[in-house]
Amino acid sequence: MTKTAHSKCKAHCAECRHHGCYTRALNCTGIKCEEAIAAYSEEQRRIMEAAAWVEGTYYSNITRLEEIALFAGRMGYKKLGLAFCIGLNQEAHYIARYYQQQGFECLSVCCKNCSVPKSALKLTQVKPELEHEAMCNPVLQARLLAEKGTELYISCGLCVGHDALFNQSCPGPVTSIAVKDRLLSHNPLGAVYSRYWRRKLGIMDEGEV
């Protein structure tokens, strides 16, 4: 895409009040539809088709747990790889069980794999009094799952930053089933849904009580 096309996009869609791009064919980017379509590889178009099929067929009627299974089935995937935070080990147990019951091979690797001490990289410990506190190991989570032939990688509750490293290290498509938010029971949007939190964070709308 040309620099000119990029420069026309303001990249402030969160501030838009009408989002006419959805149903009114408004295009503020300067990028033609043909050019946008050409940006997708054949494999990416397959993913887009599968995602649209799940959305259009089951809109608002299934959980994300089920949606991932249907998407993976549509794509023809057989091996799913679950990278989970050890703090969500019970949730990971049920997630893996569900996908196995749906006919997938569900591989799983926890964040503390290899049990590398945080001291090896001079990392801050949560509990300084411990002689051994293992660091999270997202790069190896991705590698170990890849070595087992994972086709779709699933991130489950990895810490901010660790999830970025995991996503960056996976050689295939990554989706998330849960994101870490220790304070809000892994529901980060609770911070914007609650006016009490909006006030605390200083993001209330003008005139909001």
N, C-alpha and C. Protein backbone atom coordinates (compact mmCIF):
# COMPACT_ATOMS: atom_id res chain seq x y z
N MET A 1 0.83 -1.20 0.00
CA MET A 1 0.00 0.00 0.00
C MET A 1 0.87 1.25 0.00
N THR A 2 0.40 2.26 -0.66
CA THR A 2 1.21 3.46 -0.80
C THR A 2 1.18 4.30 0.47
N LYS A 3 2.20 5.14 0.61
CA LYS A 3 2.24 6.04 1.75
C LYS A 3 1.07 7.01 1.72
N THR A 4 0.67 7.40 0.50
CA THR A 4 -0.45 8.32 0.36
C THR A 4 -1.73 7.71 0.91
N ALA A 5 -1.95 6.43 0.58
CA ALA A 5 -3.15 5.75 1.06
C ALA A 5 -3.12 5.66 2.57
N HIS A 6 -1.97 5.33 3.14
CA HIS A 6 -1.87 5.23 4.59
C HIS A 6 -2.11 6.58 5.26
N SER A 7 -1.61 7.64 4.66
CA SER A 7 -1.69 8.96 5.30
C SER A 7 -3.12 9.47 5.41
N LYS A 8 -4.03 8.97 4.58
CA LYS A 8 -5.42 9.41 4.62
C LYS A 8 -6.19 8.79 5.77
N CYS A 9 -5.67 7.69 6.32
CA CYS A 9 -6.34 7.05 7.45
C CYS A 9 -5.93 7.75 8.74
N LYS A 10 -6.90 8.29 9.46
CA LYS A 10 -6.60 9.02 10.70
C LYS A 10 -6.22 8.10 11.85
N ALA A 11 -6.63 6.82 11.76
CA ALA A 11 -6.34 5.82 12.78
C ALA A 11 -6.81 6.25 14.17
N HIS A 12 -8.01 6.85 14.20
CA HIS A 12 -8.65 7.21 15.48
C HIS A 12 -10.10 6.72 15.46
N CYS A 13 -10.29 5.49 15.01
CA CYS A 13 -11.65 4.96 14.86
C CYS A 13 -12.40 4.89 16.19
N ALA A 14 -11.69 4.77 17.30
CA ALA A 14 -12.35 4.70 18.60
C ALA A 14 -13.10 6.00 18.92
N GLU A 15 -12.72 7.08 18.23
CA GLU A 15 -13.38 8.37 18.48
C GLU A 15 -14.53 8.64 17.49
N CYS A 16 -14.70 7.75 16.52
CA CYS A 16 -15.75 7.94 15.51
C CYS A 16 -17.12 7.75 16.15
N ARG A 17 -18.09 8.60 15.77
CA ARG A 17 -19.42 8.54 16.36
C ARG A 17 -20.46 7.87 15.45
N HIS A 18 -20.10 7.50 14.21
CA HIS A 18 -21.10 6.90 13.33
C HIS A 18 -20.66 5.56 12.74
N HIS A 19 -19.36 5.34 12.58
CA HIS A 19 -18.85 4.09 12.01
C HIS A 19 -19.61 3.70 10.74
N GLY A 20 -19.67 4.66 9.86
CA GLY A 20 -20.38 4.44 8.61
C GLY A 20 -19.72 3.44 7.69
N CYS A 21 -18.53 3.00 8.02
CA CYS A 21 -17.86 1.99 7.20
C CYS A 21 -18.58 0.65 7.26
N TYR A 22 -19.39 0.45 8.33
CA TYR A 22 -20.03 -0.86 8.51
C TYR A 22 -21.16 -1.11 7.51
N THR A 23 -22.10 -0.20 7.44
CA THR A 23 -23.26 -0.44 6.57
C THR A 23 -23.55 0.67 5.57
N ARG A 24 -22.75 1.74 5.59
CA ARG A 24 -23.02 2.86 4.68
C ARG A 24 -21.93 3.08 3.64
N ALA A 25 -21.03 2.13 3.53
CA ALA A 25 -19.98 2.14 2.50
C ALA A 25 -19.08 3.37 2.58
N LEU A 26 -18.94 3.95 3.76
CA LEU A 26 -18.05 5.09 3.91
C LEU A 26 -16.62 4.57 4.11
N ASN A 27 -15.68 5.16 3.38
CA ASN A 27 -14.28 4.72 3.43
C ASN A 27 -13.39 5.93 3.65
N CYS A 28 -12.84 6.07 4.85
CA CYS A 28 -12.02 7.23 5.17
C CYS A 28 -10.52 6.94 5.04
N THR A 29 -10.18 5.76 4.54
CA THR A 29 -8.77 5.37 4.51
C THR A 29 -8.03 5.79 3.25
N GLY A 30 -8.76 5.96 2.16
CA GLY A 30 -8.11 6.22 0.89
C GLY A 30 -7.63 4.95 0.21
N ILE A 31 -7.88 3.80 0.83
CA ILE A 31 -7.48 2.50 0.28
C ILE A 31 -8.67 1.88 -0.43
N LYS A 32 -8.52 1.55 -1.70
CA LYS A 32 -9.60 0.97 -2.47
C LYS A 32 -9.89 -0.46 -2.01
N CYS A 33 -11.15 -0.87 -2.19
CA CYS A 33 -11.55 -2.22 -1.78
C CYS A 33 -10.68 -3.29 -2.43
N GLU A 34 -10.37 -3.12 -3.71
CA GLU A 34 -9.56 -4.11 -4.42
C GLU A 34 -8.18 -4.25 -3.78
N GLU A 35 -7.64 -3.11 -3.36
CA GLU A 35 -6.32 -3.11 -2.74
C GLU A 35 -6.38 -3.79 -1.37
N ALA A 36 -7.45 -3.53 -0.64
CA ALA A 36 -7.61 -4.14 0.67
C ALA A 36 -7.74 -5.66 0.56
N ILE A 37 -8.50 -6.11 -0.42
CA ILE A 37 -8.69 -7.55 -0.63
C ILE A 37 -7.38 -8.21 -1.03
N ALA A 38 -6.60 -7.52 -1.86
CA ALA A 38 -5.33 -8.07 -2.35
C ALA A 38 -4.31 -8.23 -1.23
N ALA A 39 -4.54 -7.57 -0.10
CA ALA A 39 -3.60 -7.66 1.02
C ALA A 39 -3.65 -9.02 1.71
N TYR A 40 -4.72 -9.81 1.44
CA TYR A 40 -4.90 -11.11 2.09
C TYR A 40 -4.33 -12.24 1.23
N SER A 41 -3.55 -13.10 1.88
CA SER A 41 -3.03 -14.28 1.20
C SER A 41 -4.15 -15.30 1.06
N GLU A 42 -3.91 -16.36 0.30
CA GLU A 42 -4.93 -17.40 0.12
C GLU A 42 -5.29 -18.03 1.46
N GLU A 43 -4.27 -18.29 2.31
CA GLU A 43 -4.52 -18.89 3.61
C GLU A 43 -5.30 -17.93 4.51
N GLN A 44 -4.99 -16.66 4.45
CA GLN A 44 -5.72 -15.67 5.24
C GLN A 44 -7.16 -15.55 4.79
N ARG A 45 -7.41 -15.73 3.51
CA ARG A 45 -8.78 -15.69 3.01
C ARG A 45 -9.57 -16.89 3.52
N ARG A 46 -8.91 -18.03 3.64
CA ARG A 46 -9.56 -19.22 4.21
C ARG A 46 -9.95 -18.95 5.66
N ILE A 47 -9.07 -18.31 6.39
CA ILE A 47 -9.38 -17.98 7.79
C ILE A 47 -10.53 -16.99 7.86
N MET A 48 -10.52 -15.99 6.98
CA MET A 48 -11.60 -15.00 6.95
C MET A 48 -12.94 -15.67 6.64
N GLU A 49 -12.93 -16.63 5.72
CA GLU A 49 -14.17 -17.32 5.35
C GLU A 49 -14.69 -18.14 6.52
N ALA A 50 -13.79 -18.85 7.21
CA ALA A 50 -14.19 -19.68 8.34
C ALA A 50 -14.73 -18.83 9.48
N ALA A 51 -14.06 -17.71 9.75
CA ALA A 51 -14.50 -16.81 10.82
C ALA A 51 -15.87 -16.22 10.51
N ALA A 52 -16.07 -15.81 9.26
CA ALA A 52 -17.35 -15.23 8.85
C ALA A 52 -18.46 -16.27 8.90
N TRP A 53 -18.12 -17.50 8.54
CA TRP A 53 -19.12 -18.58 8.58
C TRP A 53 -19.60 -18.82 10.01
N VAL A 54 -18.65 -18.89 10.95
CA VAL A 54 -19.02 -19.10 12.36
C VAL A 54 -19.86 -17.93 12.86
N GLU A 55 -19.41 -16.71 12.55
CA GLU A 55 -20.13 -15.52 13.01
C GLU A 55 -21.54 -15.47 12.45
N GLY A 56 -21.65 -15.67 11.13
CA GLY A 56 -22.95 -15.56 10.47
C GLY A 56 -23.92 -16.68 10.84
N THR A 57 -23.38 -17.86 11.13
CA THR A 57 -24.22 -19.02 11.41
C THR A 57 -24.67 -19.08 12.87
N TYR A 58 -23.78 -18.66 13.77
CA TYR A 58 -24.07 -18.85 15.20
C TYR A 58 -24.10 -17.54 15.99
N TYR A 59 -24.31 -16.43 15.32
CA TYR A 59 -24.22 -15.12 15.93
C TYR A 59 -24.97 -15.03 17.26
N SER A 60 -24.22 -14.73 18.33
CA SER A 60 -24.78 -14.52 19.67
C SER A 60 -25.45 -15.75 20.29
N ASN A 61 -25.17 -16.93 19.76
CA ASN A 61 -25.80 -18.15 20.27
C ASN A 61 -24.82 -19.16 20.85
N ILE A 62 -23.52 -18.87 20.76
CA ILE A 62 -22.54 -19.81 21.28
C ILE A 62 -21.46 -19.08 22.07
N THR A 63 -20.79 -19.81 22.93
CA THR A 63 -19.70 -19.26 23.71
C THR A 63 -18.42 -19.22 22.88
N ARG A 64 -17.44 -18.49 23.37
CA ARG A 64 -16.15 -18.46 22.67
C ARG A 64 -15.50 -19.84 22.67
N LEU A 65 -15.68 -20.60 23.74
CA LEU A 65 -15.17 -21.96 23.81
C LEU A 65 -15.67 -22.77 22.63
N GLU A 66 -16.96 -22.67 22.34
CA GLU A 66 -17.56 -23.39 21.23
C GLU A 66 -17.15 -22.79 19.89
N GLU A 67 -17.06 -21.47 19.86
CA GLU A 67 -16.72 -20.78 18.61
C GLU A 67 -15.35 -21.22 18.08
N ILE A 68 -14.39 -21.36 19.00
CA ILE A 68 -13.05 -21.79 18.59
C ILE A 68 -13.10 -23.19 17.99
N ALA A 69 -13.88 -24.08 18.60
CA ALA A 69 -14.00 -25.44 18.08
C ALA A 69 -14.62 -25.45 16.68
N LEU A 70 -15.67 -24.66 16.49
CA LEU A 70 -16.32 -24.61 15.19
C LEU A 70 -15.41 -24.00 14.13
N PHE A 71 -14.69 -22.95 14.51
CA PHE A 71 -13.74 -22.34 13.58
C PHE A 71 -12.65 -23.34 13.19
N ALA A 72 -12.10 -24.02 14.18
CA ALA A 72 -11.02 -24.99 13.91
C ALA A 72 -11.53 -26.12 13.01
N GLY A 73 -12.76 -26.57 13.26
CA GLY A 73 -13.33 -27.62 12.43
C GLY A 73 -13.54 -27.16 11.00
N ARG A 74 -14.00 -25.94 10.84
CA ARG A 74 -14.21 -25.38 9.50
C ARG A 74 -12.90 -25.29 8.73
N MET A 75 -11.81 -24.98 9.46
CA MET A 75 -10.49 -24.88 8.85
C MET A 75 -9.86 -26.24 8.59
N GLY A 76 -10.42 -27.28 9.17
CA GLY A 76 -9.86 -28.62 8.99
C GLY A 76 -8.71 -28.92 9.93
N TYR A 77 -8.55 -28.13 10.98
CA TYR A 77 -7.48 -28.36 11.93
C TYR A 77 -7.77 -29.61 12.76
N LYS A 78 -6.72 -30.33 13.10
CA LYS A 78 -6.83 -31.52 13.95
C LYS A 78 -6.15 -31.33 15.30
N LYS A 79 -5.07 -30.51 15.33
CA LYS A 79 -4.29 -30.32 16.55
C LYS A 79 -4.39 -28.88 17.05
N LEU A 80 -4.90 -28.74 18.26
CA LEU A 80 -4.97 -27.44 18.90
C LEU A 80 -3.92 -27.38 20.00
N GLY A 81 -3.30 -26.22 20.16
CA GLY A 81 -2.27 -26.06 21.19
C GLY A 81 -2.68 -25.00 22.20
N LEU A 82 -2.83 -25.41 23.46
CA LEU A 82 -3.29 -24.51 24.52
C LEU A 82 -2.10 -24.06 25.36
N ALA A 83 -1.80 -22.76 25.31
CA ALA A 83 -0.74 -22.18 26.15
C ALA A 83 -1.43 -21.46 27.29
N PHE A 84 -1.30 -21.98 28.51
CA PHE A 84 -2.07 -21.41 29.60
C PHE A 84 -1.19 -20.96 30.76
N CYS A 85 -1.72 -19.98 31.51
CA CYS A 85 -1.09 -19.53 32.73
C CYS A 85 -1.35 -20.58 33.81
N ILE A 86 -0.34 -20.88 34.60
CA ILE A 86 -0.49 -21.91 35.63
C ILE A 86 -1.57 -21.52 36.64
N GLY A 87 -1.85 -20.22 36.76
CA GLY A 87 -2.92 -19.76 37.64
C GLY A 87 -4.30 -20.12 37.13
N LEU A 88 -4.40 -20.52 35.86
CA LEU A 88 -5.66 -20.96 35.28
C LEU A 88 -5.59 -22.44 34.92
N ASN A 89 -4.87 -23.20 35.74
CA ASN A 89 -4.68 -24.62 35.42
C ASN A 89 -5.99 -25.41 35.45
N GLN A 90 -6.90 -25.06 36.37
CA GLN A 90 -8.19 -25.76 36.43
C GLN A 90 -9.03 -25.45 35.20
N GLU A 91 -9.06 -24.16 34.82
CA GLU A 91 -9.80 -23.77 33.62
C GLU A 91 -9.22 -24.47 32.38
N ALA A 92 -7.90 -24.54 32.32
CA ALA A 92 -7.24 -25.20 31.18
C ALA A 92 -7.63 -26.68 31.10
N HIS A 93 -7.78 -27.30 32.26
CA HIS A 93 -8.17 -28.71 32.32
C HIS A 93 -9.51 -28.93 31.63
N TYR A 94 -10.48 -28.06 31.91
CA TYR A 94 -11.81 -28.22 31.31
C TYR A 94 -11.82 -27.80 29.85
N ILE A 95 -11.05 -26.79 29.53
CA ILE A 95 -10.96 -26.36 28.13
C ILE A 95 -10.40 -27.48 27.26
N ALA A 96 -9.30 -28.08 27.72
CA ALA A 96 -8.68 -29.18 26.97
C ALA A 96 -9.64 -30.37 26.85
N ARG A 97 -10.35 -30.65 27.92
CA ARG A 97 -11.31 -31.76 27.89
C ARG A 97 -12.38 -31.52 26.84
N TYR A 98 -12.89 -30.28 26.79
CA TYR A 98 -13.94 -29.96 25.82
C TYR A 98 -13.46 -30.17 24.40
N TYR A 99 -12.28 -29.66 24.08
CA TYR A 99 -11.79 -29.79 22.71
C TYR A 99 -11.49 -31.24 22.35
N GLN A 100 -11.02 -32.00 23.30
CA GLN A 100 -10.80 -33.41 23.04
C GLN A 100 -12.12 -34.13 22.77
N GLN A 101 -13.15 -33.75 23.51
CA GLN A 101 -14.47 -34.35 23.29
C GLN A 101 -15.05 -33.96 21.94
N GLN A 102 -14.60 -32.83 21.40
CA GLN A 102 -15.05 -32.38 20.08
C GLN A 102 -14.26 -33.02 18.95
N GLY A 103 -13.35 -33.91 19.30
CA GLY A 103 -12.61 -34.67 18.29
C GLY A 103 -11.24 -34.13 17.93
N PHE A 104 -10.77 -33.11 18.66
CA PHE A 104 -9.45 -32.55 18.40
C PHE A 104 -8.42 -33.20 19.32
N GLU A 105 -7.18 -33.17 18.90
CA GLU A 105 -6.07 -33.46 19.81
C GLU A 105 -5.69 -32.12 20.41
N CYS A 106 -5.84 -31.99 21.71
CA CYS A 106 -5.55 -30.71 22.37
C CYS A 106 -4.28 -30.84 23.19
N LEU A 107 -3.21 -30.27 22.67
CA LEU A 107 -1.93 -30.24 23.36
C LEU A 107 -1.93 -29.06 24.32
N SER A 108 -1.18 -29.12 25.39
CA SER A 108 -1.17 -28.00 26.34
C SER A 108 0.19 -27.85 27.00
N VAL A 109 0.61 -26.61 27.17
CA VAL A 109 1.89 -26.30 27.83
C VAL A 109 1.65 -25.13 28.78
N CYS A 110 2.02 -25.30 30.05
CA CYS A 110 1.81 -24.24 31.03
C CYS A 110 2.95 -23.22 30.96
N CYS A 111 2.72 -22.06 31.55
CA CYS A 111 3.66 -20.95 31.44
C CYS A 111 4.99 -21.20 32.16
N LYS A 112 5.00 -22.09 33.14
CA LYS A 112 6.21 -22.32 33.93
C LYS A 112 7.06 -23.47 33.39
N ASN A 113 6.82 -23.86 32.14
CA ASN A 113 7.60 -24.94 31.55
C ASN A 113 9.10 -24.67 31.65
N CYS A 114 9.87 -25.72 31.81
CA CYS A 114 11.33 -25.70 31.96
C CYS A 114 11.77 -25.27 33.37
N SER A 115 10.86 -24.67 34.14
CA SER A 115 11.16 -24.24 35.52
C SER A 115 12.44 -23.42 35.62
N VAL A 116 12.59 -22.46 34.69
CA VAL A 116 13.76 -21.58 34.70
C VAL A 116 13.59 -20.55 35.82
N PRO A 117 14.55 -20.42 36.75
CA PRO A 117 14.41 -19.45 37.83
C PRO A 117 14.46 -18.02 37.31
N LYS A 118 13.66 -17.15 37.90
CA LYS A 118 13.65 -15.74 37.50
C LYS A 118 15.03 -15.11 37.68
N SER A 119 15.77 -15.63 38.64
CA SER A 119 17.11 -15.08 38.91
C SER A 119 18.04 -15.25 37.71
N ALA A 120 17.75 -16.22 36.85
CA ALA A 120 18.61 -16.45 35.68
C ALA A 120 18.60 -15.25 34.74
N LEU A 121 17.48 -14.52 34.71
CA LEU A 121 17.38 -13.32 33.86
C LEU A 121 17.27 -12.06 34.71
N LYS A 122 17.56 -12.21 36.00
CA LYS A 122 17.50 -11.07 36.94
C LYS A 122 16.11 -10.42 36.92
N LEU A 123 15.07 -11.25 36.95
CA LEU A 123 13.70 -10.78 36.92
C LEU A 123 13.17 -10.58 38.34
N THR A 124 12.25 -9.65 38.50
CA THR A 124 11.64 -9.38 39.80
C THR A 124 10.74 -10.55 40.20
N GLN A 125 10.89 -11.03 41.42
CA GLN A 125 10.05 -12.11 41.92
C GLN A 125 8.79 -11.57 42.58
N VAL A 126 7.69 -12.30 42.44
CA VAL A 126 6.46 -11.95 43.14
C VAL A 126 6.65 -12.17 44.64
N LYS A 127 7.37 -13.25 44.98
CA LYS A 127 7.66 -13.58 46.37
C LYS A 127 9.18 -13.63 46.56
N PRO A 128 9.78 -12.50 46.92
CA PRO A 128 11.24 -12.41 47.03
C PRO A 128 11.85 -13.42 48.00
N GLU A 129 11.05 -13.89 48.97
CA GLU A 129 11.59 -14.81 49.96
C GLU A 129 11.82 -16.22 49.43
N LEU A 130 11.26 -16.52 48.25
CA LEU A 130 11.44 -17.86 47.69
C LEU A 130 12.83 -18.03 47.09
N GLU A 131 13.42 -19.17 47.33
CA GLU A 131 14.73 -19.47 46.76
C GLU A 131 14.61 -19.76 45.27
N HIS A 132 13.49 -20.37 44.87
CA HIS A 132 13.26 -20.68 43.46
C HIS A 132 11.85 -20.25 43.07
N GLU A 133 11.75 -19.26 42.20
CA GLU A 133 10.47 -18.85 41.63
C GLU A 133 10.63 -18.88 40.12
N ALA A 134 9.94 -19.81 39.48
CA ALA A 134 10.11 -20.00 38.04
C ALA A 134 9.51 -18.84 37.26
N MET A 135 10.19 -18.47 36.18
CA MET A 135 9.69 -17.41 35.31
C MET A 135 8.70 -18.00 34.31
N CYS A 136 7.85 -17.15 33.76
CA CYS A 136 7.00 -17.57 32.65
C CYS A 136 7.89 -17.76 31.43
N ASN A 137 7.51 -18.66 30.57
CA ASN A 137 8.37 -19.04 29.45
C ASN A 137 7.57 -19.11 28.15
N PRO A 138 7.01 -17.98 27.69
CA PRO A 138 6.11 -18.00 26.53
C PRO A 138 6.76 -18.40 25.21
N VAL A 139 8.02 -18.06 25.03
CA VAL A 139 8.70 -18.44 23.78
C VAL A 139 8.78 -19.96 23.66
N LEU A 140 9.08 -20.62 24.79
CA LEU A 140 9.16 -22.08 24.76
C LEU A 140 7.77 -22.71 24.73
N GLN A 141 6.76 -22.03 25.27
CA GLN A 141 5.40 -22.54 25.10
C GLN A 141 5.08 -22.68 23.62
N ALA A 142 5.39 -21.64 22.86
CA ALA A 142 5.14 -21.67 21.42
C ALA A 142 5.97 -22.75 20.73
N ARG A 143 7.25 -22.86 21.11
CA ARG A 143 8.13 -23.83 20.46
C ARG A 143 7.70 -25.26 20.74
N LEU A 144 7.37 -25.54 22.00
CA LEU A 144 6.99 -26.90 22.37
C LEU A 144 5.69 -27.32 21.68
N LEU A 145 4.75 -26.39 21.57
CA LEU A 145 3.51 -26.70 20.87
C LEU A 145 3.74 -26.88 19.37
N ALA A 146 4.62 -26.06 18.81
CA ALA A 146 4.94 -26.16 17.38
C ALA A 146 5.58 -27.51 17.07
N GLU A 147 6.46 -27.97 17.95
CA GLU A 147 7.15 -29.24 17.74
C GLU A 147 6.20 -30.42 17.72
N LYS A 148 5.02 -30.24 18.33
CA LYS A 148 4.01 -31.31 18.35
C LYS A 148 3.02 -31.19 17.19
N GLY A 149 3.26 -30.24 16.31
CA GLY A 149 2.41 -30.12 15.12
C GLY A 149 1.15 -29.31 15.31
N THR A 150 1.13 -28.40 16.26
CA THR A 150 -0.04 -27.56 16.50
C THR A 150 -0.42 -26.78 15.24
N GLU A 151 -1.72 -26.74 14.96
CA GLU A 151 -2.23 -26.00 13.80
C GLU A 151 -2.90 -24.68 14.20
N LEU A 152 -3.54 -24.66 15.37
CA LEU A 152 -4.15 -23.45 15.90
C LEU A 152 -3.70 -23.28 17.34
N TYR A 153 -3.09 -22.14 17.64
CA TYR A 153 -2.56 -21.85 18.97
C TYR A 153 -3.59 -21.06 19.77
N ILE A 154 -3.81 -21.47 21.02
CA ILE A 154 -4.82 -20.82 21.86
C ILE A 154 -4.15 -20.28 23.11
N SER A 155 -4.25 -18.98 23.31
CA SER A 155 -3.67 -18.32 24.47
C SER A 155 -4.71 -18.25 25.58
N CYS A 156 -4.33 -18.71 26.78
CA CYS A 156 -5.27 -18.76 27.89
C CYS A 156 -4.67 -18.11 29.14
N GLY A 157 -4.99 -16.84 29.35
CA GLY A 157 -4.63 -16.17 30.58
C GLY A 157 -3.17 -15.80 30.73
N LEU A 158 -2.44 -15.67 29.64
CA LEU A 158 -1.04 -15.28 29.76
C LEU A 158 -0.94 -13.81 30.16
N CYS A 159 0.11 -13.48 30.90
CA CYS A 159 0.30 -12.11 31.38
C CYS A 159 0.53 -11.15 30.21
N VAL A 160 0.24 -9.88 30.43
CA VAL A 160 0.56 -8.85 29.45
C VAL A 160 2.06 -8.87 29.19
N GLY A 161 2.45 -8.90 27.96
CA GLY A 161 3.86 -9.00 27.61
C GLY A 161 4.23 -10.43 27.29
N HIS A 162 3.90 -11.34 28.19
CA HIS A 162 4.14 -12.76 27.90
C HIS A 162 3.26 -13.20 26.74
N ASP A 163 2.00 -12.71 26.71
CA ASP A 163 1.12 -13.06 25.60
C ASP A 163 1.67 -12.51 24.28
N ALA A 164 2.26 -11.32 24.33
CA ALA A 164 2.84 -10.73 23.12
C ALA A 164 3.99 -11.59 22.60
N LEU A 165 4.82 -12.06 23.52
CA LEU A 165 5.94 -12.92 23.13
C LEU A 165 5.45 -14.26 22.58
N PHE A 166 4.41 -14.80 23.19
CA PHE A 166 3.85 -16.07 22.72
C PHE A 166 3.30 -15.90 21.30
N ASN A 167 2.49 -14.86 21.11
CA ASN A 167 1.91 -14.62 19.78
C ASN A 167 3.00 -14.42 18.73
N GLN A 168 4.03 -13.67 19.10
CA GLN A 168 5.13 -13.38 18.19
C GLN A 168 5.90 -14.64 17.82
N SER A 169 5.95 -15.60 18.73
CA SER A 169 6.78 -16.79 18.54
C SER A 169 6.06 -17.95 17.86
N CYS A 170 4.74 -17.88 17.75
CA CYS A 170 3.99 -18.97 17.13
C CYS A 170 4.13 -18.93 15.61
N PRO A 171 4.38 -20.09 14.98
CA PRO A 171 4.51 -20.12 13.53
C PRO A 171 3.19 -20.25 12.80
N GLY A 172 2.08 -20.24 13.56
CA GLY A 172 0.76 -20.36 12.95
C GLY A 172 -0.22 -19.41 13.60
N PRO A 173 -1.49 -19.48 13.21
CA PRO A 173 -2.50 -18.56 13.74
C PRO A 173 -2.73 -18.74 15.24
N VAL A 174 -2.95 -17.61 15.92
CA VAL A 174 -3.17 -17.59 17.37
C VAL A 174 -4.51 -16.95 17.67
N THR A 175 -5.25 -17.54 18.60
CA THR A 175 -6.47 -16.92 19.10
C THR A 175 -6.43 -16.96 20.63
N SER A 176 -7.26 -16.17 21.26
CA SER A 176 -7.27 -16.11 22.73
C SER A 176 -8.62 -16.59 23.26
N ILE A 177 -8.58 -17.36 24.33
CA ILE A 177 -9.82 -17.77 24.99
C ILE A 177 -9.99 -17.05 26.31
N ALA A 178 -8.89 -16.54 26.87
CA ALA A 178 -8.95 -15.77 28.12
C ALA A 178 -7.72 -14.88 28.20
N VAL A 179 -7.89 -13.69 28.80
CA VAL A 179 -6.76 -12.79 29.00
C VAL A 179 -6.64 -12.48 30.49
N LYS A 180 -5.43 -12.26 30.93
CA LYS A 180 -5.16 -12.10 32.36
C LYS A 180 -5.61 -10.75 32.89
N ASP A 181 -6.42 -10.80 33.95
CA ASP A 181 -6.73 -9.62 34.75
C ASP A 181 -7.02 -10.13 36.15
N ARG A 182 -5.98 -10.17 36.97
CA ARG A 182 -6.11 -10.76 38.30
C ARG A 182 -7.14 -10.03 39.16
N LEU A 183 -7.22 -8.72 38.99
CA LEU A 183 -8.10 -7.92 39.83
C LEU A 183 -9.57 -8.09 39.47
N LEU A 184 -9.86 -8.25 38.16
CA LEU A 184 -11.25 -8.27 37.69
C LEU A 184 -11.68 -9.66 37.20
N SER A 185 -11.12 -10.70 37.82
CA SER A 185 -11.51 -12.08 37.48
C SER A 185 -11.36 -12.36 35.98
N HIS A 186 -10.26 -11.85 35.41
CA HIS A 186 -9.94 -12.06 34.00
C HIS A 186 -11.00 -11.49 33.06
N ASN A 187 -11.57 -10.37 33.48
CA ASN A 187 -12.54 -9.65 32.65
C ASN A 187 -12.08 -8.20 32.53
N PRO A 188 -11.08 -7.93 31.69
CA PRO A 188 -10.51 -6.58 31.59
C PRO A 188 -11.53 -5.50 31.26
N LEU A 189 -12.58 -5.85 30.52
CA LEU A 189 -13.57 -4.84 30.14
C LEU A 189 -14.40 -4.38 31.33
N GLY A 190 -14.30 -5.08 32.45
CA GLY A 190 -14.99 -4.63 33.65
C GLY A 190 -14.55 -3.22 34.03
N ALA A 191 -13.33 -2.85 33.67
CA ALA A 191 -12.81 -1.52 34.00
C ALA A 191 -13.52 -0.42 33.24
N VAL A 192 -14.07 -0.73 32.09
CA VAL A 192 -14.80 0.29 31.32
C VAL A 192 -16.30 0.12 31.43
N TYR A 193 -16.76 -1.08 31.80
CA TYR A 193 -18.19 -1.28 32.00
C TYR A 193 -18.67 -0.62 33.29
N SER A 194 -17.80 -0.56 34.28
CA SER A 194 -18.18 -0.02 35.58
C SER A 194 -17.89 1.47 35.67
N ARG A 195 -18.91 2.27 35.98
CA ARG A 195 -18.68 3.71 36.10
C ARG A 195 -17.78 4.02 37.29
N TYR A 196 -17.75 3.15 38.28
CA TYR A 196 -16.87 3.35 39.43
C TYR A 196 -15.41 3.26 38.99
N TRP A 197 -15.13 2.29 38.13
CA TRP A 197 -13.78 2.16 37.61
C TRP A 197 -13.47 3.28 36.61
N ARG A 198 -14.45 3.67 35.81
CA ARG A 198 -14.22 4.77 34.87
C ARG A 198 -13.85 6.04 35.62
N ARG A 199 -14.53 6.26 36.76
CA ARG A 199 -14.20 7.43 37.58
C ARG A 199 -12.79 7.30 38.14
N LYS A 200 -12.46 6.14 38.64
CA LYS A 200 -11.15 5.92 39.24
C LYS A 200 -10.03 6.10 38.22
N LEU A 201 -10.31 5.68 36.99
CA LEU A 201 -9.31 5.77 35.92
C LEU A 201 -9.31 7.13 35.20
N GLY A 202 -10.29 7.98 35.53
CA GLY A 202 -10.36 9.30 34.92
C GLY A 202 -10.82 9.29 33.49
N ILE A 203 -11.71 8.35 33.13
CA ILE A 203 -12.16 8.25 31.73
C ILE A 203 -13.68 8.40 31.61
N MET A 204 -14.33 8.96 32.61
CA MET A 204 -15.78 9.16 32.52
C MET A 204 -16.11 10.16 31.42
N ASP A 205 -17.27 9.98 30.79
CA ASP A 205 -17.73 10.94 29.80
C ASP A 205 -18.17 12.23 30.47
N GLU A 206 -18.10 13.31 29.74
CA GLU A 206 -18.53 14.59 30.27
C GLU A 206 -20.01 14.54 30.64
N GLY A 207 -20.35 14.94 31.84
CA GLY A 207 -21.73 14.93 32.29
C GLY A 207 -22.18 13.62 32.91
N GLU A 208 -21.31 12.59 32.85
CA GLU A 208 -21.66 11.30 33.45
C GLU A 208 -21.65 11.42 34.97
N VAL A 209 -22.68 10.90 35.60
CA VAL A 209 -22.80 11.00 37.06
C VAL A 209 -22.09 9.82 37.73
